[in-house]
């Protein structure tokens, strides 16, 4: 009889374990469904953020392109104005030269031009100029520098 009792107890335990297994399977199915729902929500949120970022990027690229175009236009305007001013300066130099020659004076080289005939050609000549500069009294040094040395410095 004892074997019969053991078999009944074993069957009861098998039944309880079967119910526990069924409960655990149902819980696992519920958790899996919740996980799938969370995954879908996550993917939807990621897609929304990607779309939002893409739209913002397109907007920023448009703003950037407009800013680059505006700056390019301003740069072209500045370059045009600079060219106009340079031409006006050349014209002013030419007019000044015409006035000087009309008055019977010697033509003056435009500012920035150096007469190459008087430029020292060797280091020794340039050193001689500095030596001569050093020997001058302090009050005469600036004038000597401006007339003799500065025109030859690039």
N, C-alpha and C. Protein backbone atom coordinates (compact mmCIF):
# COMPACT_ATOMS: atom_id res chain seq x y z
N UNK A 1 0.79 -1.17 0.00
CA UNK A 1 0.00 0.00 0.00
C UNK A 1 0.85 1.26 0.00
N UNK A 2 1.93 1.00 0.58
CA UNK A 2 2.80 2.15 0.65
C UNK A 2 3.23 2.59 -0.75
N UNK A 3 3.40 1.73 -1.63
CA UNK A 3 3.77 2.08 -2.99
C UNK A 3 2.63 2.83 -3.65
N UNK A 4 1.44 2.40 -3.38
CA UNK A 4 0.28 3.08 -3.93
C UNK A 4 0.22 4.51 -3.40
N UNK A 5 0.45 4.71 -2.15
CA UNK A 5 0.43 6.03 -1.54
C UNK A 5 1.53 6.89 -2.15
N UNK A 6 2.67 6.31 -2.34
CA UNK A 6 3.78 7.07 -2.94
C UNK A 6 3.44 7.50 -4.37
N UNK A 7 2.77 6.63 -5.08
CA UNK A 7 2.38 6.95 -6.46
C UNK A 7 1.34 8.07 -6.45
N UNK A 8 0.40 8.02 -5.53
CA UNK A 8 -0.61 9.07 -5.43
C UNK A 8 0.04 10.41 -5.07
N UNK A 9 0.94 10.37 -4.13
CA UNK A 9 1.64 11.60 -3.74
C UNK A 9 2.46 12.14 -4.92
N UNK A 10 3.10 11.26 -5.64
CA UNK A 10 3.89 11.66 -6.80
C UNK A 10 2.97 12.28 -7.85
N UNK A 11 1.79 11.66 -8.06
CA UNK A 11 0.84 12.22 -9.03
C UNK A 11 0.34 13.59 -8.59
N UNK A 12 0.10 13.74 -7.32
CA UNK A 12 -0.34 15.05 -6.80
C UNK A 12 0.76 16.10 -7.02
N UNK A 13 1.98 15.72 -6.72
CA UNK A 13 3.09 16.66 -6.91
C UNK A 13 3.27 16.99 -8.40
N UNK A 14 3.09 16.00 -9.25
CA UNK A 14 3.18 16.22 -10.70
C UNK A 14 2.08 17.20 -11.12
N UNK A 15 0.89 17.04 -10.56
CA UNK A 15 -0.22 17.95 -10.88
C UNK A 15 0.09 19.37 -10.43
N UNK A 16 0.60 19.49 -9.18
CA UNK A 16 0.95 20.82 -8.68
C UNK A 16 2.06 21.45 -9.55
N UNK A 17 3.05 20.65 -9.89
CA UNK A 17 4.14 21.15 -10.72
C UNK A 17 3.63 21.53 -12.11
N UNK A 18 2.69 20.77 -12.64
CA UNK A 18 2.09 21.09 -13.94
C UNK A 18 1.36 22.44 -13.87
N UNK A 19 0.63 22.67 -12.76
CA UNK A 19 -0.06 23.96 -12.59
C UNK A 19 0.96 25.10 -12.45
N UNK A 20 2.03 24.84 -11.69
CA UNK A 20 3.07 25.88 -11.55
C UNK A 20 3.72 26.18 -12.90
N UNK A 21 3.96 25.11 -13.67
CA UNK A 21 4.56 25.28 -14.99
C UNK A 21 3.64 26.08 -15.90
N UNK A 22 2.34 25.78 -15.83
CA UNK A 22 1.35 26.50 -16.63
C UNK A 22 1.32 27.97 -16.22
N UNK A 23 1.37 28.25 -14.91
CA UNK A 23 1.37 29.63 -14.41
C UNK A 23 2.64 30.35 -14.87
N UNK A 24 3.76 29.68 -14.78
CA UNK A 24 5.03 30.28 -15.20
C UNK A 24 5.03 30.55 -16.71
N UNK A 25 4.47 29.62 -17.51
CA UNK A 25 4.39 29.83 -18.95
C UNK A 25 3.52 31.04 -19.29
N UNK A 26 2.39 31.18 -18.56
CA UNK A 26 1.50 32.32 -18.79
C UNK A 26 2.20 33.63 -18.42
N UNK A 27 2.95 33.60 -17.29
CA UNK A 27 3.69 34.79 -16.88
C UNK A 27 4.76 35.12 -17.92
N UNK A 28 5.44 34.10 -18.40
CA UNK A 28 6.48 34.32 -19.42
C UNK A 28 5.86 34.87 -20.70
N UNK A 29 4.74 34.38 -21.10
CA UNK A 29 4.06 34.87 -22.29
C UNK A 29 3.66 36.34 -22.11
N UNK A 30 3.19 36.69 -20.91
CA UNK A 30 2.81 38.08 -20.63
C UNK A 30 4.03 39.00 -20.68
N UNK A 31 5.13 38.53 -20.06
CA UNK A 31 6.36 39.33 -20.07
C UNK A 31 6.89 39.48 -21.49
N UNK A 32 6.83 38.43 -22.28
CA UNK A 32 7.27 38.48 -23.67
C UNK A 32 6.42 39.47 -24.46
N UNK A 33 5.12 39.45 -24.23
CA UNK A 33 4.23 40.39 -24.91
C UNK A 33 4.56 41.84 -24.49
N UNK A 34 4.79 42.03 -23.19
CA UNK A 34 5.17 43.37 -22.71
C UNK A 34 6.50 43.82 -23.34
N UNK A 35 7.43 42.89 -23.44
CA UNK A 35 8.72 43.19 -24.05
C UNK A 35 8.55 43.57 -25.52
N UNK A 36 7.74 42.84 -26.24
CA UNK A 36 7.49 43.15 -27.65
C UNK A 36 6.82 44.52 -27.80
N UNK A 37 5.90 44.83 -26.88
CA UNK A 37 5.24 46.15 -26.90
C UNK A 37 6.26 47.24 -26.64
N UNK A 38 7.15 47.02 -25.67
CA UNK A 38 8.19 48.00 -25.35
C UNK A 38 9.15 48.17 -26.52
N UNK A 39 9.50 47.07 -27.18
CA UNK A 39 10.38 47.15 -28.35
C UNK A 39 9.72 47.97 -29.46
N UNK A 40 8.45 47.72 -29.71
CA UNK A 40 7.74 48.47 -30.75
C UNK A 40 7.68 49.95 -30.40
N UNK A 41 7.41 50.27 -29.13
CA UNK A 41 7.36 51.66 -28.70
C UNK A 41 8.74 52.31 -28.85
N UNK A 42 9.77 51.56 -28.50
CA UNK A 42 11.14 52.08 -28.63
C UNK A 42 11.47 52.37 -30.10
N UNK A 43 11.17 51.42 -30.96
CA UNK A 43 11.44 51.62 -32.39
C UNK A 43 10.65 52.81 -32.94
N UNK A 44 9.42 52.96 -32.50
CA UNK A 44 8.63 54.11 -32.95
C UNK A 44 9.25 55.42 -32.47
N UNK A 45 9.71 55.44 -31.23
CA UNK A 45 10.35 56.65 -30.68
C UNK A 45 11.65 56.95 -31.41
N UNK A 46 12.45 55.93 -31.70
CA UNK A 46 13.70 56.11 -32.45
C UNK A 46 13.39 56.67 -33.83
N UNK A 47 12.40 56.13 -34.48
CA UNK A 47 12.01 56.62 -35.81
C UNK A 47 11.55 58.07 -35.75
N UNK A 48 10.79 58.42 -34.73
CA UNK A 48 10.34 59.81 -34.55
C UNK A 48 11.53 60.73 -34.35
N UNK A 49 12.46 60.33 -33.50
CA UNK A 49 13.65 61.15 -33.25
C UNK A 49 14.50 61.28 -34.52
N UNK A 50 14.64 60.20 -35.28
CA UNK A 50 15.41 60.26 -36.53
C UNK A 50 14.76 61.24 -37.51
N UNK A 51 13.46 61.16 -37.61
CA UNK A 51 12.74 62.08 -38.50
C UNK A 51 12.92 63.51 -38.05
N UNK A 52 12.78 63.75 -36.75
CA UNK A 52 12.93 65.10 -36.20
C UNK A 52 14.34 65.62 -36.44
N UNK A 53 15.35 64.78 -36.20
CA UNK A 53 16.73 65.20 -36.41
C UNK A 53 17.00 65.48 -37.89
N UNK A 54 16.44 64.66 -38.76
CA UNK A 54 16.62 64.88 -40.20
C UNK A 54 16.02 66.21 -40.62
N UNK A 55 14.83 66.52 -40.11
CA UNK A 55 14.19 67.79 -40.44
C UNK A 55 15.00 68.96 -39.92
N UNK A 56 15.50 68.84 -38.67
CA UNK A 56 16.32 69.91 -38.11
C UNK A 56 17.62 70.08 -38.90
N UNK A 57 18.21 68.97 -39.31
CA UNK A 57 19.44 69.02 -40.09
C UNK A 57 19.20 69.71 -41.43
N UNK A 58 18.10 69.39 -42.08
CA UNK A 58 17.76 70.02 -43.35
C UNK A 58 17.57 71.53 -43.14
N UNK A 59 16.90 71.90 -42.06
CA UNK A 59 16.69 73.32 -41.76
C UNK A 59 18.03 74.01 -41.52
N UNK A 60 18.90 73.39 -40.72
CA UNK A 60 20.21 73.98 -40.43
C UNK A 60 21.07 74.09 -41.68
N UNK A 61 21.00 73.09 -42.53
CA UNK A 61 21.78 73.14 -43.78
C UNK A 61 21.28 74.28 -44.66
N UNK A 62 19.97 74.46 -44.69
CA UNK A 62 19.40 75.57 -45.46
C UNK A 62 19.85 76.91 -44.91
N UNK A 63 19.80 77.05 -43.58
CA UNK A 63 20.25 78.30 -42.95
C UNK A 63 21.73 78.53 -43.21
N UNK A 64 22.52 77.45 -43.13
CA UNK A 64 23.95 77.55 -43.39
C UNK A 64 24.21 77.97 -44.83
N UNK A 65 23.50 77.37 -45.77
CA UNK A 65 23.68 77.72 -47.18
C UNK A 65 23.32 79.18 -47.42
N UNK A 66 22.25 79.65 -46.76
CA UNK A 66 21.84 81.05 -46.91
C UNK A 66 22.91 81.97 -46.33
N UNK A 67 23.46 81.60 -45.16
CA UNK A 67 24.52 82.41 -44.54
C UNK A 67 25.76 82.45 -45.43
N UNK A 68 26.12 81.31 -46.01
CA UNK A 68 27.28 81.26 -46.90
C UNK A 68 27.03 82.14 -48.13
N UNK A 69 25.83 82.07 -48.67
CA UNK A 69 25.48 82.90 -49.84
C UNK A 69 25.55 84.38 -49.47
N UNK A 70 24.99 84.74 -48.31
CA UNK A 70 25.02 86.13 -47.87
C UNK A 70 26.46 86.62 -47.70
N UNK A 71 27.28 85.79 -47.04
CA UNK A 71 28.69 86.18 -46.84
C UNK A 71 29.44 86.27 -48.16
N UNK A 72 29.15 85.37 -49.08
CA UNK A 72 29.78 85.41 -50.40
C UNK A 72 29.40 86.69 -51.13
N UNK A 73 28.12 87.06 -51.05
CA UNK A 73 27.67 88.31 -51.68
C UNK A 73 28.36 89.51 -51.05
N UNK A 74 28.46 89.51 -49.72
CA UNK A 74 29.13 90.62 -49.03
C UNK A 74 30.61 90.68 -49.43
N UNK A 75 31.25 89.51 -49.52
CA UNK A 75 32.66 89.46 -49.91
C UNK A 75 32.85 89.99 -51.32
N UNK A 76 31.95 89.62 -52.22
CA UNK A 76 32.03 90.13 -53.59
C UNK A 76 31.86 91.64 -53.61
N UNK A 77 30.93 92.15 -52.79
CA UNK A 77 30.72 93.60 -52.72
C UNK A 77 31.98 94.30 -52.19
N UNK A 78 32.59 93.72 -51.16
CA UNK A 78 33.81 94.31 -50.61
C UNK A 78 34.94 94.25 -51.65
N UNK A 79 35.06 93.14 -52.35
CA UNK A 79 36.09 93.02 -53.38
C UNK A 79 35.87 94.03 -54.49
N UNK A 80 34.62 94.22 -54.89
CA UNK A 80 34.30 95.19 -55.93
C UNK A 80 34.64 96.61 -55.46
N UNK A 81 34.26 96.91 -54.23
CA UNK A 81 34.55 98.24 -53.69
C UNK A 81 36.06 98.44 -53.55
N UNK A 82 36.77 97.41 -53.13
CA UNK A 82 38.23 97.51 -53.02
C UNK A 82 38.85 97.76 -54.39
N UNK A 83 38.38 97.05 -55.40
CA UNK A 83 38.90 97.26 -56.75
C UNK A 83 38.62 98.68 -57.22
N UNK A 84 37.44 99.18 -56.91
CA UNK A 84 37.08 100.55 -57.28
C UNK A 84 37.99 101.54 -56.58
N UNK A 85 38.25 101.32 -55.29
CA UNK A 85 39.13 102.21 -54.55
C UNK A 85 40.57 102.16 -55.07
N UNK A 86 41.02 100.98 -55.44
CA UNK A 86 42.37 100.85 -55.99
C UNK A 86 42.46 101.60 -57.31
N UNK A 87 41.44 101.45 -58.14
CA UNK A 87 41.41 102.18 -59.41
C UNK A 87 41.39 103.68 -59.16
N UNK A 88 40.61 104.12 -58.17
CA UNK A 88 40.55 105.55 -57.85
C UNK A 88 41.91 106.03 -57.37
N UNK A 89 42.60 105.21 -56.59
CA UNK A 89 43.93 105.60 -56.11
C UNK A 89 44.91 105.69 -57.27
N UNK A 90 44.83 104.75 -58.21
CA UNK A 90 45.70 104.81 -59.39
C UNK A 90 45.40 106.07 -60.20
N UNK A 91 44.12 106.35 -60.34
CA UNK A 91 43.72 107.54 -61.07
C UNK A 91 44.22 108.79 -60.37
N UNK A 92 44.13 108.81 -59.03
CA UNK A 92 44.63 109.95 -58.27
C UNK A 92 46.13 110.10 -58.45
N UNK A 93 46.88 108.99 -58.45
CA UNK A 93 48.32 109.05 -58.68
C UNK A 93 48.62 109.61 -60.07
N UNK A 94 47.87 109.15 -61.07
CA UNK A 94 48.07 109.64 -62.43
C UNK A 94 47.76 111.13 -62.53
N UNK A 95 46.67 111.54 -61.89
CA UNK A 95 46.30 112.96 -61.92
C UNK A 95 47.37 113.80 -61.23
N UNK A 96 47.87 113.31 -60.10
CA UNK A 96 48.92 114.04 -59.40
C UNK A 96 50.17 114.15 -60.27
N UNK A 97 50.53 113.08 -60.95
CA UNK A 97 51.69 113.11 -61.84
C UNK A 97 51.46 114.10 -62.98
N UNK A 98 50.25 114.13 -63.53
CA UNK A 98 49.92 115.08 -64.60
C UNK A 98 50.04 116.52 -64.10
N UNK A 99 49.56 116.79 -62.89
CA UNK A 99 49.63 118.15 -62.33
C UNK A 99 51.08 118.55 -62.12
N UNK A 100 51.88 117.64 -61.58
CA UNK A 100 53.30 117.95 -61.35
C UNK A 100 54.00 118.23 -62.67
N UNK A 101 53.74 117.39 -63.68
CA UNK A 101 54.40 117.61 -64.96
C UNK A 101 53.88 118.86 -65.64
N UNK A 102 52.60 119.21 -65.46
CA UNK A 102 52.05 120.45 -66.03
C UNK A 102 52.70 121.67 -65.40
N UNK A 103 53.11 121.56 -64.15
CA UNK A 103 53.76 122.66 -63.45
C UNK A 103 55.26 122.71 -63.75
N UNK A 104 55.73 121.75 -64.51
CA UNK A 104 57.14 121.75 -64.88
C UNK A 104 58.03 121.01 -63.91
N UNK A 105 57.45 120.26 -62.98
CA UNK A 105 58.24 119.53 -62.00
C UNK A 105 58.65 118.16 -62.50
N UNK A 106 59.57 117.53 -61.75
CA UNK A 106 59.99 116.17 -62.08
C UNK A 106 58.90 115.21 -61.66
N UNK A 107 58.65 114.17 -62.47
CA UNK A 107 57.63 113.19 -62.08
C UNK A 107 58.03 112.49 -60.78
N UNK A 108 57.02 112.20 -59.95
CA UNK A 108 57.23 111.55 -58.68
C UNK A 108 56.75 110.11 -58.80
N UNK A 109 57.55 109.17 -58.33
CA UNK A 109 57.14 107.76 -58.38
C UNK A 109 55.97 107.56 -57.44
N UNK A 110 54.94 106.81 -57.85
CA UNK A 110 53.81 106.54 -56.97
C UNK A 110 54.28 105.87 -55.69
N UNK A 111 53.50 106.06 -54.65
CA UNK A 111 53.85 105.52 -53.33
C UNK A 111 54.00 104.01 -53.41
N UNK A 112 55.05 103.50 -52.79
CA UNK A 112 55.28 102.06 -52.77
C UNK A 112 56.27 101.62 -53.83
N UNK A 113 56.52 102.47 -54.86
CA UNK A 113 57.49 102.09 -55.88
C UNK A 113 58.88 102.52 -55.43
N UNK A 114 59.88 101.73 -55.75
CA UNK A 114 61.26 102.02 -55.38
C UNK A 114 62.05 102.19 -56.67
N UNK A 115 62.85 103.20 -56.70
CA UNK A 115 63.72 103.37 -57.86
C UNK A 115 64.83 102.33 -57.77
N UNK A 116 64.89 101.45 -58.73
CA UNK A 116 65.84 100.36 -58.67
C UNK A 116 67.25 100.81 -59.00
N UNK A 117 67.42 101.97 -59.65
CA UNK A 117 68.76 102.43 -60.00
C UNK A 117 69.57 102.78 -58.76
N UNK A 118 68.91 103.25 -57.68
CA UNK A 118 69.64 103.64 -56.49
C UNK A 118 69.64 102.55 -55.42
N UNK A 119 69.01 101.46 -55.66
CA UNK A 119 68.94 100.41 -54.66
C UNK A 119 70.30 99.72 -54.54
N UNK A 120 70.77 99.51 -53.30
CA UNK A 120 72.03 98.78 -53.16
C UNK A 120 71.87 97.36 -53.70
N UNK A 121 72.90 96.91 -54.38
CA UNK A 121 72.80 95.59 -54.99
C UNK A 121 73.54 94.53 -54.19
N UNK A 122 74.36 94.96 -53.27
CA UNK A 122 75.12 93.99 -52.50
C UNK A 122 74.90 94.22 -51.01
N UNK A 123 75.23 93.20 -50.27
CA UNK A 123 75.12 93.30 -48.82
C UNK A 123 76.09 94.34 -48.28
N UNK A 124 77.24 94.46 -48.91
CA UNK A 124 78.24 95.43 -48.48
C UNK A 124 77.73 96.86 -48.62
N UNK A 125 77.04 97.15 -49.73
CA UNK A 125 76.50 98.50 -49.92
C UNK A 125 75.45 98.81 -48.85
N UNK A 126 74.63 97.82 -48.55
CA UNK A 126 73.60 98.00 -47.53
C UNK A 126 74.24 98.19 -46.16
N UNK A 127 75.27 97.43 -45.87
CA UNK A 127 76.01 97.57 -44.61
C UNK A 127 76.65 98.95 -44.52
N UNK A 128 77.16 99.46 -45.65
CA UNK A 128 77.76 100.80 -45.67
C UNK A 128 76.72 101.86 -45.33
N UNK A 129 75.50 101.68 -45.83
CA UNK A 129 74.42 102.63 -45.50
C UNK A 129 74.16 102.63 -44.00
N UNK A 130 74.11 101.46 -43.39
CA UNK A 130 73.85 101.38 -41.95
C UNK A 130 75.02 101.98 -41.15
N UNK A 131 76.22 101.77 -41.64
CA UNK A 131 77.38 102.34 -40.96
C UNK A 131 77.31 103.87 -41.02
N UNK A 132 76.97 104.38 -42.18
CA UNK A 132 76.82 105.83 -42.33
C UNK A 132 75.70 106.34 -41.42
N UNK A 133 74.62 105.58 -41.33
CA UNK A 133 73.49 105.95 -40.46
C UNK A 133 73.96 106.02 -39.01
N UNK A 134 74.76 105.05 -38.57
CA UNK A 134 75.24 105.01 -37.19
C UNK A 134 76.13 106.20 -36.86
N UNK A 135 76.86 106.71 -37.86
CA UNK A 135 77.80 107.81 -37.62
C UNK A 135 77.10 109.17 -37.54
N UNK A 136 75.85 109.24 -37.98
CA UNK A 136 75.13 110.52 -38.00
C UNK A 136 74.68 110.93 -36.60
N UNK A 137 74.51 112.27 -36.38
CA UNK A 137 73.92 112.72 -35.13
C UNK A 137 72.48 112.22 -35.03
N UNK A 138 71.98 112.09 -33.82
CA UNK A 138 70.65 111.53 -33.58
C UNK A 138 69.56 112.27 -34.36
N UNK A 139 69.64 113.58 -34.45
CA UNK A 139 68.59 114.36 -35.11
C UNK A 139 68.55 114.09 -36.61
N UNK A 140 69.62 113.64 -37.22
CA UNK A 140 69.65 113.40 -38.66
C UNK A 140 69.38 111.93 -39.04
N UNK A 141 69.40 111.03 -38.06
CA UNK A 141 69.26 109.60 -38.35
C UNK A 141 67.92 109.24 -38.99
N UNK A 142 66.84 109.81 -38.50
CA UNK A 142 65.51 109.46 -39.03
C UNK A 142 65.39 109.86 -40.50
N UNK A 143 65.80 111.07 -40.82
CA UNK A 143 65.71 111.53 -42.21
C UNK A 143 66.57 110.66 -43.12
N UNK A 144 67.79 110.33 -42.68
CA UNK A 144 68.67 109.48 -43.47
C UNK A 144 68.03 108.11 -43.69
N UNK A 145 67.46 107.54 -42.61
CA UNK A 145 66.82 106.23 -42.71
C UNK A 145 65.68 106.28 -43.73
N UNK A 146 64.83 107.30 -43.62
CA UNK A 146 63.67 107.39 -44.50
C UNK A 146 64.08 107.59 -45.96
N UNK A 147 65.15 108.32 -46.21
CA UNK A 147 65.57 108.59 -47.59
C UNK A 147 66.45 107.49 -48.18
N UNK A 148 67.34 106.95 -47.38
CA UNK A 148 68.36 106.06 -47.93
C UNK A 148 68.12 104.57 -47.67
N UNK A 149 67.54 104.23 -46.53
CA UNK A 149 67.45 102.80 -46.17
C UNK A 149 66.04 102.25 -46.38
N UNK A 150 65.04 102.91 -45.87
CA UNK A 150 63.67 102.38 -45.93
C UNK A 150 63.19 102.05 -47.34
N UNK A 151 63.48 102.89 -48.35
CA UNK A 151 63.02 102.54 -49.71
C UNK A 151 63.57 101.21 -50.23
N UNK A 152 64.64 100.74 -49.62
CA UNK A 152 65.27 99.50 -50.12
C UNK A 152 64.84 98.27 -49.33
N UNK A 153 64.02 98.47 -48.28
CA UNK A 153 63.56 97.34 -47.49
C UNK A 153 62.24 96.86 -48.07
N UNK A 154 62.15 95.59 -48.29
CA UNK A 154 60.92 95.04 -48.88
C UNK A 154 59.89 94.78 -47.84
